[in-house]
Amino acid sequence: MKSMKWSMTAMAITLIAACGASKIETASLDAKTFAEKMVNTEYTLVDVRSPEEFATNHLENASNINVNSSDFAQKAALIDKSKDVLVYCKSGGRSAKAAVQLKAMGYKVYDLNGGILRWKAEGYEVIIDKKKSNSGYTLARYNEAVSSGKVVLVDFYAPWCGPCKAMAPHIETMKKKYRDELVVLKVDTDKSIEVSGHFQINAIPLIKIYKNGTEVYDKTGYHSEEELATLLSKYI
């Protein structure tokens, strides 16, 4: 019976999505209001990122249900419907997707606008596994890397980030074009929490450029190959 219930739940979500799930309105809260909700209401807190991301850092008392996993509906069906459901992810995209699905299942759900990046930028605490979260770059290692005498392009990204993936080939093209004149530093924000926290990164992709150890460019968002070529020609 439980298997049938989960199958029907998954089917319902699929049908709703096919008919325009984006039209389902969900409540998106800023970090302050989200934090107040955690104090003043009975709730279930759900981190909808991957288990690997959850292991590096997460909000206290959060459970992990990966919205992109095949068993999301099955696990979500076990959440207590008598409580509010608070959901978050890295920057807000996946939690918005999860909020739509959960609302379609009958939950009263609230989404953290800007995700855990915004939460940290606003000064709220997270539980951090320092060993796992700094398996990419520590701040000391980062500062050493950007102090090169060459021009250094830093690509702040995450493996799950669509625009980051789309921009990756353009960065590789620049790397090949400028060869020994350019150093490309790829910083996984999921594994370099100390660096992400230092720069208060709340959105990705983010490009920084350093020349002779001094930051000369800092901009968030997708960069086309033409934009990167024009940009780097100013410094190389």
Protein backbone atom coordinates (compact mmCIF):
# COMPACT_ATOMS: atom_id res chain seq x y z
CA MET A 1 0.00 0.00 0.00
CA LYS A 2 2.82 2.40 0.87
CA SER A 3 4.48 1.64 -2.46
CA MET A 4 1.23 2.39 -4.27
CA LYS A 5 0.82 5.65 -2.31
CA TRP A 6 4.32 6.78 -3.22
CA SER A 7 3.77 5.87 -6.89
CA MET A 8 0.53 7.84 -7.00
CA THR A 9 2.23 10.80 -5.32
CA ALA A 10 5.04 10.75 -7.87
CA MET A 11 2.50 10.46 -10.69
CA ALA A 12 0.54 13.43 -9.37
CA ILE A 13 3.69 15.56 -9.25
CA THR A 14 4.60 14.54 -12.80
CA LEU A 15 1.15 15.44 -14.12
CA ILE A 16 1.15 18.78 -12.35
CA ALA A 17 4.61 19.58 -13.67
CA ALA A 18 3.52 18.67 -17.20
CA CYS A 19 0.51 20.96 -16.94
CA GLY A 20 2.50 23.95 -15.74
CA ALA A 21 3.82 23.53 -12.20
CA SER A 22 5.48 26.91 -12.53
CA LYS A 23 2.03 28.47 -12.11
CA ILE A 24 1.79 27.11 -8.56
CA GLU A 25 2.55 29.99 -6.21
CA THR A 26 4.81 29.29 -3.26
CA ALA A 27 5.94 31.46 -0.35
CA SER A 28 9.55 32.66 -0.59
CA LEU A 29 10.96 34.20 2.59
CA ASP A 30 14.04 36.34 3.16
CA ALA A 31 16.61 35.08 5.66
CA LYS A 32 15.28 37.15 8.56
CA THR A 33 11.67 36.01 8.10
CA PHE A 34 12.82 32.42 7.55
CA ALA A 35 14.76 32.54 10.83
CA GLU A 36 11.74 33.97 12.65
CA LYS A 37 9.61 31.16 11.26
CA MET A 38 12.04 28.67 12.78
CA VAL A 39 11.52 30.26 16.19
CA ASN A 40 7.79 30.85 16.17
CA THR A 41 6.29 27.82 14.40
CA GLU A 42 6.26 24.02 14.43
CA TYR A 43 8.18 23.05 11.33
CA THR A 44 10.19 20.46 9.42
CA LEU A 45 13.40 21.85 7.93
CA VAL A 46 14.52 20.24 4.68
CA ASP A 47 17.79 20.76 2.82
CA VAL A 48 17.08 19.75 -0.79
CA ARG A 49 20.69 19.74 -2.01
CA SER A 50 22.79 16.67 -2.73
CA PRO A 51 24.08 14.55 0.18
CA GLU A 52 27.63 15.70 -0.64
CA GLU A 53 26.66 19.36 -0.29
CA PHE A 54 24.69 18.67 2.88
CA ALA A 55 27.73 16.94 4.40
CA THR A 56 29.89 20.05 4.01
CA ASN A 57 27.45 22.48 5.65
CA HIS A 58 23.78 22.78 6.54
CA LEU A 59 21.31 24.52 8.83
CA GLU A 60 20.92 23.09 12.32
CA ASN A 61 18.24 20.36 12.66
CA ALA A 62 17.79 20.07 8.90
CA SER A 63 17.08 16.76 7.21
CA ASN A 64 18.33 16.07 3.70
CA ILE A 65 16.08 15.08 0.79
CA ASN A 66 17.71 15.63 -2.59
CA VAL A 67 15.13 17.25 -4.89
CA ASN A 68 16.98 15.89 -7.94
CA SER A 69 16.96 12.29 -6.73
CA SER A 70 14.51 9.75 -8.15
CA ASP A 71 13.07 9.02 -4.70
CA PHE A 72 12.32 12.63 -3.72
CA ALA A 73 8.53 12.12 -3.83
CA GLN A 74 8.80 8.88 -1.88
CA LYS A 75 10.80 10.49 0.93
CA ALA A 76 8.78 13.71 0.87
CA ALA A 77 5.59 11.73 1.40
CA LEU A 78 6.83 10.83 4.89
CA ILE A 79 6.98 14.45 6.08
CA ASP A 80 4.44 15.39 8.77
CA LYS A 81 1.66 17.40 7.11
CA SER A 82 0.63 18.99 10.43
CA LYS A 83 3.80 21.11 10.44
CA ASP A 84 5.06 23.85 8.15
CA VAL A 85 7.81 22.70 5.81
CA LEU A 86 10.81 25.01 5.42
CA VAL A 87 13.05 24.26 2.45
CA TYR A 88 16.38 25.61 1.26
CA CYS A 89 19.24 24.85 -1.12
CA LYS A 90 22.44 26.60 -2.16
CA SER A 91 21.03 29.72 -3.85
CA GLY A 92 17.28 29.19 -4.20
CA GLY A 93 16.72 27.45 -7.52
CA ARG A 94 16.34 23.87 -6.34
CA SER A 95 14.38 24.81 -3.22
CA ALA A 96 11.89 26.72 -5.40
CA LYS A 97 11.46 23.55 -7.45
CA ALA A 98 11.00 21.48 -4.29
CA ALA A 99 8.49 23.99 -2.89
CA VAL A 100 6.29 23.62 -5.96
CA GLN A 101 6.33 19.83 -5.67
CA LEU A 102 5.67 19.84 -1.93
CA LYS A 103 2.80 22.30 -2.25
CA ALA A 104 1.28 20.07 -4.94
CA MET A 105 1.44 17.23 -2.40
CA GLY A 106 -0.56 19.26 0.10
CA TYR A 107 2.17 20.73 2.32
CA LYS A 108 2.31 24.28 3.66
CA VAL A 109 5.79 25.12 2.45
CA TYR A 110 8.14 28.09 2.73
CA ASP A 111 11.25 28.56 0.61
CA LEU A 112 14.43 30.37 1.73
CA ASN A 113 15.04 33.10 -0.85
CA GLY A 114 18.69 33.10 -1.88
CA GLY A 115 19.37 29.79 -0.17
CA ILE A 116 22.15 29.04 2.27
CA LEU A 117 24.40 31.54 0.49
CA ARG A 118 22.07 34.39 1.42
CA TRP A 119 21.54 32.91 4.89
CA LYS A 120 25.28 33.02 5.61
CA ALA A 121 25.68 36.45 4.01
CA GLU A 122 23.05 37.77 6.42
CA GLY A 123 25.13 36.49 9.34
CA TYR A 124 23.07 33.43 10.35
CA GLU A 125 24.87 30.32 11.53
CA VAL A 126 25.34 27.02 9.73
CA ILE A 127 26.75 23.68 10.84
CA ILE A 128 30.07 23.23 9.02
CA ASP A 129 32.29 20.20 8.58
CA LYS A 130 35.58 22.09 8.32
CA LYS A 131 37.48 19.18 6.84
CA LYS A 132 35.00 18.55 4.04
CA SER A 133 34.07 22.19 3.45
CA ASN A 134 37.69 23.23 2.88
CA SER A 135 38.67 20.30 0.70
CA GLY A 136 38.85 22.80 -2.17
CA TYR A 137 40.59 26.02 -1.14
CA THR A 138 41.33 27.45 2.27
CA LEU A 139 41.65 31.24 2.36
CA ALA A 140 45.41 31.00 2.85
CA ARG A 141 45.81 28.74 -0.17
CA TYR A 142 43.54 30.99 -2.25
CA ASN A 143 45.51 34.14 -1.38
CA GLU A 144 48.72 32.38 -2.30
CA ALA A 145 47.29 31.28 -5.64
CA VAL A 146 46.02 34.72 -6.70
CA SER A 147 49.32 36.39 -5.77
CA SER A 148 50.93 35.10 -8.95
CA GLY A 149 52.79 37.63 -11.09
CA LYS A 150 50.53 36.59 -13.97
CA VAL A 151 46.93 37.51 -14.62
CA VAL A 152 44.70 35.17 -12.60
CA LEU A 153 41.08 34.45 -13.54
CA VAL A 154 39.07 32.93 -10.70
CA ASP A 155 35.92 31.00 -11.55
CA PHE A 156 33.69 30.53 -8.52
CA TYR A 157 31.32 27.69 -9.43
CA ALA A 158 29.43 24.63 -8.22
CA PRO A 159 29.01 21.28 -10.03
CA TRP A 160 25.20 21.59 -10.01
CA CYS A 161 25.11 25.18 -11.36
CA GLY A 162 23.73 25.36 -14.93
CA PRO A 163 25.26 28.72 -15.92
CA CYS A 164 28.57 27.57 -14.44
CA LYS A 165 28.55 24.49 -16.66
CA ALA A 166 27.64 26.58 -19.71
CA MET A 167 30.50 28.99 -19.04
CA ALA A 168 33.15 26.32 -18.38
CA PRO A 169 34.05 25.72 -22.07
CA HIS A 170 34.58 29.48 -22.59
CA ILE A 171 37.01 29.61 -19.70
CA GLU A 172 38.89 26.62 -21.10
CA THR A 173 39.13 28.43 -24.45
CA MET A 174 40.66 31.46 -22.71
CA LYS A 175 43.08 29.20 -20.87
CA LYS A 176 44.29 27.68 -24.15
CA LYS A 177 44.37 31.03 -25.93
CA TYR A 178 46.55 32.80 -23.38
CA ARG A 179 48.52 29.75 -22.24
CA ASP A 180 51.42 30.88 -20.02
CA GLU A 181 50.05 34.42 -19.65
CA LEU A 182 46.94 33.39 -17.74
CA VAL A 183 46.33 31.33 -14.62
CA VAL A 184 42.80 29.92 -14.24
CA LEU A 185 41.66 29.12 -10.72
CA LYS A 186 38.43 27.12 -10.36
CA VAL A 187 36.95 27.40 -6.88
CA ASP A 188 34.14 25.00 -5.98
CA THR A 189 32.03 27.05 -3.55
CA ASP A 190 30.61 23.87 -2.02
CA LYS A 191 34.09 22.73 -0.99
CA SER A 192 35.70 26.09 -0.21
CA ILE A 193 33.45 27.43 2.53
CA GLU A 194 36.13 29.58 4.14
CA VAL A 195 36.77 31.41 0.86
CA SER A 196 33.06 31.70 0.06
CA GLY A 197 32.40 33.13 3.51
CA HIS A 198 35.27 35.60 3.25
CA PHE A 199 33.87 37.07 0.02
CA GLN A 200 30.23 36.68 1.19
CA ILE A 201 29.36 34.94 -2.06
CA ASN A 202 25.59 34.71 -2.42
CA ALA A 203 25.32 33.96 -6.15
CA ILE A 204 27.27 32.05 -8.78
CA PRO A 205 28.92 31.94 -11.24
CA LEU A 206 31.27 34.67 -10.08
CA ILE A 207 34.36 35.80 -11.97
CA LYS A 208 37.26 37.60 -10.32
CA ILE A 209 40.44 38.71 -12.07
CA TYR A 210 43.72 39.54 -10.37
CA LYS A 211 46.78 41.26 -11.86
CA ASN A 212 50.04 41.28 -9.91
CA GLY A 213 48.10 40.04 -6.86
CA THR A 214 45.55 42.91 -6.98
CA GLU A 215 41.87 42.32 -7.73
CA VAL A 216 40.90 44.25 -10.87
CA TYR A 217 37.55 42.67 -11.74
CA ASP A 218 34.63 41.18 -9.83
CA LYS A 219 31.28 40.34 -11.39
CA THR A 220 28.56 37.76 -10.80
CA GLY A 221 26.78 36.05 -13.67
CA TYR A 222 27.32 34.13 -16.89
CA HIS A 223 30.08 35.45 -19.16
CA SER A 224 30.10 34.60 -22.86
CA GLU A 225 33.31 33.69 -24.67
CA GLU A 226 33.30 37.13 -26.32
CA GLU A 227 32.88 38.88 -22.97
CA LEU A 228 35.77 36.95 -21.44
CA ALA A 229 38.02 37.63 -24.44
CA THR A 230 37.27 41.37 -24.35
CA LEU A 231 37.75 41.46 -20.60
CA LEU A 232 41.07 39.64 -20.54
CA SER A 233 42.47 41.71 -23.40
CA LYS A 234 42.42 44.69 -21.00
CA TYR A 235 44.78 43.00 -18.57
CA ILE A 236 47.02 40.75 -20.67
